Amino acid sequence: KRRGEIDGVEQLTRYLELLNADPHLRPVQGIF
């Protein structure tokens, strides 16, 4: 993001939930 706000963190959280459900990818960490 150009400007990081709470909505961006929530968005990344949702992505991480889906990515970590994939056994070929997990564990997946997140960076904002």
All heavy atoms as atom14 arrays in JSON, in Angstrom:
{
  "sequence": "KRRGEIDGVEQLTRYLELLNADPHLRPVQGIF",
  "atom14_mask": [
    [1, 1, 1, 1, 1, 1, 1, 1, 1, 0, 0, 0, 0, 0],
    [1, 1, 1, 1, 1, 1, 1, 1, 1, 1, 1, 0, 0, 0],
    [1, 1, 1, 1, 1, 1, 1, 1, 1, 1, 1, 0, 0, 0],
    [1, 1, 1, 1, 0, 0, 0, 0, 0, 0, 0, 0, 0, 0],
    [1, 1, 1, 1, 1, 1, 1, 1, 1, 0, 0, 0, 0, 0],
    [1, 1, 1, 1, 1, 1, 1, 1, 0, 0, 0, 0, 0, 0],
    [1, 1, 1, 1, 1, 1, 1, 1, 0, 0, 0, 0, 0, 0],
    [1, 1, 1, 1, 0, 0, 0, 0, 0, 0, 0, 0, 0, 0],
    [1, 1, 1, 1, 1, 1, 1, 0, 0, 0, 0, 0, 0, 0],
    [1, 1, 1, 1, 1, 1, 1, 1, 1, 0, 0, 0, 0, 0],
    [1, 1, 1, 1, 1, 1, 1, 1, 1, 0, 0, 0, 0, 0],
    [1, 1, 1, 1, 1, 1, 1, 1, 0, 0, 0, 0, 0, 0],
    [1, 1, 1, 1, 1, 1, 1, 0, 0, 0, 0, 0, 0, 0],
    [1, 1, 1, 1, 1, 1, 1, 1, 1, 1, 1, 0, 0, 0],
    [1, 1, 1, 1, 1, 1, 1, 1, 1, 1, 1, 1, 0, 0],
    [1, 1, 1, 1, 1, 1, 1, 1, 0, 0, 0, 0, 0, 0],
    [1, 1, 1, 1, 1, 1, 1, 1, 1, 0, 0, 0, 0, 0],
    [1, 1, 1, 1, 1, 1, 1, 1, 0, 0, 0, 0, 0, 0],
    [1, 1, 1, 1, 1, 1, 1, 1, 0, 0, 0, 0, 0, 0],
    [1, 1, 1, 1, 1, 1, 1, 1, 0, 0, 0, 0, 0, 0],
    [1, 1, 1, 1, 1, 0, 0, 0, 0, 0, 0, 0, 0, 0],
    [1, 1, 1, 1, 1, 1, 1, 1, 0, 0, 0, 0, 0, 0],
    [1, 1, 1, 1, 1, 1, 1, 0, 0, 0, 0, 0, 0, 0],
    [1, 1, 1, 1, 1, 1, 1, 1, 1, 1, 0, 0, 0, 0],
    [1, 1, 1, 1, 1, 1, 1, 1, 0, 0, 0, 0, 0, 0],
    [1, 1, 1, 1, 1, 1, 1, 1, 1, 1, 1, 0, 0, 0],
    [1, 1, 1, 1, 1, 1, 1, 0, 0, 0, 0, 0, 0, 0],
    [1, 1, 1, 1, 1, 1, 1, 0, 0, 0, 0, 0, 0, 0],
    [1, 1, 1, 1, 1, 1, 1, 1, 1, 0, 0, 0, 0, 0],
    [1, 1, 1, 1, 0, 0, 0, 0, 0, 0, 0, 0, 0, 0],
    [1, 1, 1, 1, 1, 1, 1, 1, 0, 0, 0, 0, 0, 0],
    [1, 1, 1, 1, 1, 1, 1, 1, 1, 1, 1, 0, 0, 0]
  ],
  "atom14_positions": [
    [[0.84, -1.19, 0.0], [0.0, 0.0, 0.0], [0.89, 1.24, 0.0], [2.02, 1.22, 0.47], [-0.9, 0.05, 1.24], [-1.85, -1.12, 1.39], [-2.92, -1.11, 0.33], [-3.93, -2.24, 0.52], [-4.88, -2.34, -0.6], [0.0, 0.0, 0.0], [0.0, 0.0, 0.0], [0.0, 0.0, 0.0], [0.0, 0.0, 0.0], [0.0, 0.0, 0.0]],
    [[0.36, 2.31, -0.55], [1.07, 3.58, -0.41], [0.94, 4.08, 1.02], [1.89, 4.55, 1.62], [0.51, 4.61, -1.4], [1.23, 5.95, -1.38], [0.74, 6.82, -2.52], [-0.66, 7.16, -2.39], [-1.1, 8.19, -1.66], [-0.26, 8.95, -1.0], [-2.39, 8.44, -1.6], [0.0, 0.0, 0.0], [0.0, 0.0, 0.0], [0.0, 0.0, 0.0]],
    [[-0.27, 3.94, 1.54], [-0.55, 4.36, 2.92], [-1.22, 3.19, 3.63], [-2.3, 2.74, 3.22], [-1.48, 5.57, 2.87], [-1.8, 6.17, 4.19], [-2.47, 7.49, 3.92], [-3.14, 7.99, 5.1], [-3.44, 9.27, 5.27], [-3.12, 10.14, 4.34], [-4.05, 9.68, 6.35], [0.0, 0.0, 0.0], [0.0, 0.0, 0.0], [0.0, 0.0, 0.0]],
    [[-0.58, 2.66, 4.63], [-1.07, 1.47, 5.3], [-2.09, 1.77, 6.38], [-1.77, 2.44, 7.36], [0.0, 0.0, 0.0], [0.0, 0.0, 0.0], [0.0, 0.0, 0.0], [0.0, 0.0, 0.0], [0.0, 0.0, 0.0], [0.0, 0.0, 0.0], [0.0, 0.0, 0.0], [0.0, 0.0, 0.0], [0.0, 0.0, 0.0], [0.0, 0.0, 0.0]],
    [[-3.29, 1.24, 6.22], [-4.35, 1.44, 7.21], [-4.94, 0.09, 7.6], [-4.57, -0.96, 7.06], [-5.41, 2.39, 6.66], [-4.84, 3.75, 6.28], [-5.91, 4.75, 5.88], [-7.12, 4.42, 6.0], [-5.56, 5.85, 5.44], [0.0, 0.0, 0.0], [0.0, 0.0, 0.0], [0.0, 0.0, 0.0], [0.0, 0.0, 0.0], [0.0, 0.0, 0.0]],
    [[-5.87, 0.13, 8.55], [-6.44, -1.11, 9.1], [-7.07, -1.98, 8.02], [-6.94, -3.2, 8.03], [-7.47, -0.76, 10.2], [-6.74, -0.35, 11.49], [-8.39, -1.93, 10.48], [-7.65, 0.09, 12.61], [0.0, 0.0, 0.0], [0.0, 0.0, 0.0], [0.0, 0.0, 0.0], [0.0, 0.0, 0.0], [0.0, 0.0, 0.0], [0.0, 0.0, 0.0]],
    [[-7.73, -1.36, 7.03], [-8.37, -2.14, 5.96], [-7.36, -3.01, 5.22], [-7.67, -4.14, 4.83], [-9.05, -1.2, 4.97], [-10.34, -0.6, 5.51], [-10.77, -1.06, 6.59], [-10.9, 0.3, 4.89], [0.0, 0.0, 0.0], [0.0, 0.0, 0.0], [0.0, 0.0, 0.0], [0.0, 0.0, 0.0], [0.0, 0.0, 0.0], [0.0, 0.0, 0.0]],
    [[-6.14, -2.48, 5.03], [-5.11, -3.25, 4.35], [-4.67, -4.46, 5.15], [-4.39, -5.53, 4.59], [0.0, 0.0, 0.0], [0.0, 0.0, 0.0], [0.0, 0.0, 0.0], [0.0, 0.0, 0.0], [0.0, 0.0, 0.0], [0.0, 0.0, 0.0], [0.0, 0.0, 0.0], [0.0, 0.0, 0.0], [0.0, 0.0, 0.0], [0.0, 0.0, 0.0]],
    [[-4.61, -4.3, 6.47], [-4.24, -5.43, 7.35], [-5.33, -6.5, 7.3], [-5.04, -7.7, 7.22], [-4.02, -4.95, 8.79], [-3.69, -6.12, 9.72], [-2.89, -3.91, 8.85], [0.0, 0.0, 0.0], [0.0, 0.0, 0.0], [0.0, 0.0, 0.0], [0.0, 0.0, 0.0], [0.0, 0.0, 0.0], [0.0, 0.0, 0.0], [0.0, 0.0, 0.0]],
    [[-6.58, -6.05, 7.33], [-7.69, -7.0, 7.25], [-7.67, -7.76, 5.93], [-7.91, -8.97, 5.87], [-9.03, -6.26, 7.4], [-9.25, -5.62, 8.77], [-9.63, -6.63, 9.83], [-9.56, -7.84, 9.57], [-9.99, -6.22, 10.94], [0.0, 0.0, 0.0], [0.0, 0.0, 0.0], [0.0, 0.0, 0.0], [0.0, 0.0, 0.0], [0.0, 0.0, 0.0]],
    [[-7.36, -7.04, 4.86], [-7.28, -7.67, 3.54], [-6.2, -8.74, 3.5], [-6.42, -9.86, 3.03], [-6.98, -6.58, 2.5], [-6.93, -7.07, 1.07], [-6.61, -5.93, 0.1], [-6.35, -4.8, 0.49], [-6.61, -6.25, -1.18], [0.0, 0.0, 0.0], [0.0, 0.0, 0.0], [0.0, 0.0, 0.0], [0.0, 0.0, 0.0], [0.0, 0.0, 0.0]],
    [[-5.02, -8.42, 4.02], [-3.92, -9.38, 4.05], [-4.26, -10.57, 4.94], [-3.92, -11.72, 4.62], [-2.64, -8.71, 4.53], [-1.39, -9.59, 4.64], [-1.1, -10.31, 3.33], [-0.18, -8.77, 5.08], [0.0, 0.0, 0.0], [0.0, 0.0, 0.0], [0.0, 0.0, 0.0], [0.0, 0.0, 0.0], [0.0, 0.0, 0.0], [0.0, 0.0, 0.0]],
    [[-4.95, -10.34, 6.04], [-5.36, -11.42, 6.93], [-6.23, -12.44, 6.19], [-6.05, -13.65, 6.33], [-6.14, -10.86, 8.14], [-5.3, -9.96, 8.87], [-6.59, -11.98, 9.06], [0.0, 0.0, 0.0], [0.0, 0.0, 0.0], [0.0, 0.0, 0.0], [0.0, 0.0, 0.0], [0.0, 0.0, 0.0], [0.0, 0.0, 0.0], [0.0, 0.0, 0.0]],
    [[-7.15, -11.94, 5.38], [-8.03, -12.85, 4.62], [-7.23, -13.65, 3.6], [-7.46, -14.84, 3.4], [-9.14, -12.04, 3.94], [-10.13, -11.41, 4.9], [-11.35, -10.86, 4.18], [-11.03, -9.72, 3.34], [-11.06, -8.46, 3.75], [-11.37, -8.18, 5.01], [-10.79, -7.47, 2.92], [0.0, 0.0, 0.0], [0.0, 0.0, 0.0], [0.0, 0.0, 0.0]],
    [[-6.27, -12.99, 2.94], [-5.42, -13.7, 1.99], [-4.63, -14.8, 2.7], [-4.5, -15.93, 2.18], [-4.44, -12.74, 1.33], [-5.05, -11.78, 0.34], [-4.53, -10.49, 0.18], [-6.14, -12.13, -0.46], [-5.07, -9.6, -0.74], [-6.68, -11.24, -1.36], [-6.15, -9.98, -1.5], [-6.68, -9.1, -2.41], [0.0, 0.0, 0.0], [0.0, 0.0, 0.0]],
    [[-4.08, -14.5, 3.86], [-3.26, -15.47, 4.59], [-4.07, -16.69, 4.99], [-3.57, -17.82, 4.97], [-2.63, -14.81, 5.81], [-1.5, -13.82, 5.51], [-1.11, -13.06, 6.78], [-0.28, -14.54, 4.94], [0.0, 0.0, 0.0], [0.0, 0.0, 0.0], [0.0, 0.0, 0.0], [0.0, 0.0, 0.0], [0.0, 0.0, 0.0], [0.0, 0.0, 0.0]],
    [[-5.33, -16.47, 5.37], [-6.19, -17.6, 5.74], [-6.35, -18.56, 4.57], [-6.27, -19.78, 4.73], [-7.56, -17.08, 6.19], [-7.54, -16.39, 7.56], [-8.89, -15.83, 7.93], [-9.83, -15.93, 7.1], [-9.02, -15.28, 9.04], [0.0, 0.0, 0.0], [0.0, 0.0, 0.0], [0.0, 0.0, 0.0], [0.0, 0.0, 0.0], [0.0, 0.0, 0.0]],
    [[-6.54, -18.0, 3.37], [-6.7, -18.85, 2.19], [-5.39, -19.5, 1.77], [-5.36, -20.68, 1.43], [-7.25, -18.0, 1.04], [-8.7, -17.54, 1.19], [-9.05, -16.52, 0.13], [-9.65, -18.72, 1.11], [0.0, 0.0, 0.0], [0.0, 0.0, 0.0], [0.0, 0.0, 0.0], [0.0, 0.0, 0.0], [0.0, 0.0, 0.0], [0.0, 0.0, 0.0]],
    [[-4.3, -18.76, 1.81], [-3.01, -19.3, 1.41], [-2.56, -20.41, 2.35], [-1.99, -21.43, 1.92], [-1.96, -18.18, 1.37], [-2.15, -17.12, 0.28], [-1.2, -15.96, 0.51], [-1.94, -17.72, -1.11], [0.0, 0.0, 0.0], [0.0, 0.0, 0.0], [0.0, 0.0, 0.0], [0.0, 0.0, 0.0], [0.0, 0.0, 0.0], [0.0, 0.0, 0.0]],
    [[-2.83, -20.26, 3.63], [-2.43, -21.27, 4.61], [-3.33, -22.51, 4.57], [-3.0, -23.52, 5.19], [-2.41, -20.67, 6.01], [-1.09, -19.97, 6.31], [-0.03, -20.59, 6.3], [-1.16, -18.67, 6.54], [0.0, 0.0, 0.0], [0.0, 0.0, 0.0], [0.0, 0.0, 0.0], [0.0, 0.0, 0.0], [0.0, 0.0, 0.0], [0.0, 0.0, 0.0]],
    [[-4.43, -22.42, 3.84], [-5.28, -23.6, 3.65], [-4.73, -24.5, 2.54], [-5.19, -25.63, 2.37], [-6.71, -23.17, 3.32], [0.0, 0.0, 0.0], [0.0, 0.0, 0.0], [0.0, 0.0, 0.0], [0.0, 0.0, 0.0], [0.0, 0.0, 0.0], [0.0, 0.0, 0.0], [0.0, 0.0, 0.0], [0.0, 0.0, 0.0], [0.0, 0.0, 0.0]],
    [[-3.74, -23.98, 1.78], [-3.14, -24.74, 0.69], [-1.93, -25.51, 1.22], [-0.93, -24.9, 1.62], [-2.71, -23.78, -0.42], [-2.19, -24.5, -1.67], [-1.8, -25.67, -1.56], [-2.18, -23.88, -2.74], [0.0, 0.0, 0.0], [0.0, 0.0, 0.0], [0.0, 0.0, 0.0], [0.0, 0.0, 0.0], [0.0, 0.0, 0.0], [0.0, 0.0, 0.0]],
    [[-1.98, -26.83, 1.23], [-0.87, -27.62, 1.79], [0.44, -27.44, 1.02], [1.52, -27.7, 1.56], [-1.37, -29.06, 1.7], [-2.44, -29.04, 0.65], [-3.07, -27.69, 0.73], [0.0, 0.0, 0.0], [0.0, 0.0, 0.0], [0.0, 0.0, 0.0], [0.0, 0.0, 0.0], [0.0, 0.0, 0.0], [0.0, 0.0, 0.0], [0.0, 0.0, 0.0]],
    [[0.37, -26.97, -0.23], [1.59, -26.76, -1.02], [2.29, -25.45, -0.66], [3.44, -25.26, -1.03], [1.26, -26.77, -2.51], [0.65, -28.05, -2.99], [1.35, -29.23, -3.03], [-0.61, -28.33, -3.42], [0.57, -30.19, -3.48], [-0.63, -29.68, -3.73], [0.0, 0.0, 0.0], [0.0, 0.0, 0.0], [0.0, 0.0, 0.0], [0.0, 0.0, 0.0]],
    [[1.59, -24.58, 0.05], [2.15, -23.27, 0.39], [2.48, -23.11, 1.87], [3.47, -22.49, 2.23], [1.19, -22.15, -0.03], [0.91, -21.99, -1.53], [-0.13, -20.89, -1.75], [2.19, -21.66, -2.28], [0.0, 0.0, 0.0], [0.0, 0.0, 0.0], [0.0, 0.0, 0.0], [0.0, 0.0, 0.0], [0.0, 0.0, 0.0], [0.0, 0.0, 0.0]],
    [[1.6, -23.63, 2.73], [1.76, -23.35, 4.15], [3.03, -23.96, 4.73], [3.52, -24.98, 4.21], [0.52, -23.83, 4.92], [0.29, -25.33, 4.91], [-0.91, -25.65, 5.79], [-1.18, -27.08, 5.79], [-2.33, -27.63, 5.42], [-3.33, -26.88, 5.03], [-2.48, -28.94, 5.44], [0.0, 0.0, 0.0], [0.0, 0.0, 0.0], [0.0, 0.0, 0.0]],
    [[3.57, -23.29, 5.76], [3.05, -22.08, 6.4], [3.43, -20.82, 5.62], [4.53, -20.7, 5.11], [3.74, -22.1, 7.76], [5.05, -22.77, 7.51], [4.78, -23.8, 6.45], [0.0, 0.0, 0.0], [0.0, 0.0, 0.0], [0.0, 0.0, 0.0], [0.0, 0.0, 0.0], [0.0, 0.0, 0.0], [0.0, 0.0, 0.0], [0.0, 0.0, 0.0]],
    [[2.48, -19.88, 5.53], [2.71, -18.62, 4.83], [2.65, -17.48, 5.85], [1.66, -17.33, 6.56], [1.64, -18.39, 3.74], [1.95, -17.1, 2.97], [1.56, -19.58, 2.8], [0.0, 0.0, 0.0], [0.0, 0.0, 0.0], [0.0, 0.0, 0.0], [0.0, 0.0, 0.0], [0.0, 0.0, 0.0], [0.0, 0.0, 0.0], [0.0, 0.0, 0.0]],
    [[3.72, -16.72, 5.91], [3.76, -15.54, 6.77], [3.29, -14.33, 5.97], [3.2, -14.37, 4.74], [5.18, -15.31, 7.29], [5.72, -16.44, 8.15], [4.88, -16.65, 9.41], [4.54, -15.68, 10.11], [4.52, -17.89, 9.69], [0.0, 0.0, 0.0], [0.0, 0.0, 0.0], [0.0, 0.0, 0.0], [0.0, 0.0, 0.0], [0.0, 0.0, 0.0]],
    [[3.03, -13.23, 6.67], [2.54, -12.03, 6.0], [3.4, -10.82, 6.29], [3.92, -10.66, 7.41], [0.0, 0.0, 0.0], [0.0, 0.0, 0.0], [0.0, 0.0, 0.0], [0.0, 0.0, 0.0], [0.0, 0.0, 0.0], [0.0, 0.0, 0.0], [0.0, 0.0, 0.0], [0.0, 0.0, 0.0], [0.0, 0.0, 0.0], [0.0, 0.0, 0.0]],
    [[3.54, -9.97, 5.28], [4.22, -8.68, 5.45], [3.3, -7.59, 4.9], [2.77, -7.7, 3.79], [5.56, -8.63, 4.7], [6.58, -9.56, 5.37], [6.11, -7.21, 4.66], [7.95, -9.57, 4.69], [0.0, 0.0, 0.0], [0.0, 0.0, 0.0], [0.0, 0.0, 0.0], [0.0, 0.0, 0.0], [0.0, 0.0, 0.0], [0.0, 0.0, 0.0]],
    [[3.12, -6.54, 5.69], [2.34, -5.38, 5.28], [3.33, -4.27, 4.98], [3.99, -3.75, 5.88], [1.39, -4.98, 6.41], [0.37, -3.95, 6.03], [-0.39, -4.09, 4.88], [0.14, -2.85, 6.84], [-1.34, -3.15, 4.53], [-0.82, -1.92, 6.51], [-1.57, -2.06, 5.35], [0.0, 0.0, 0.0], [0.0, 0.0, 0.0], [0.0, 0.0, 0.0]]
  ]
}
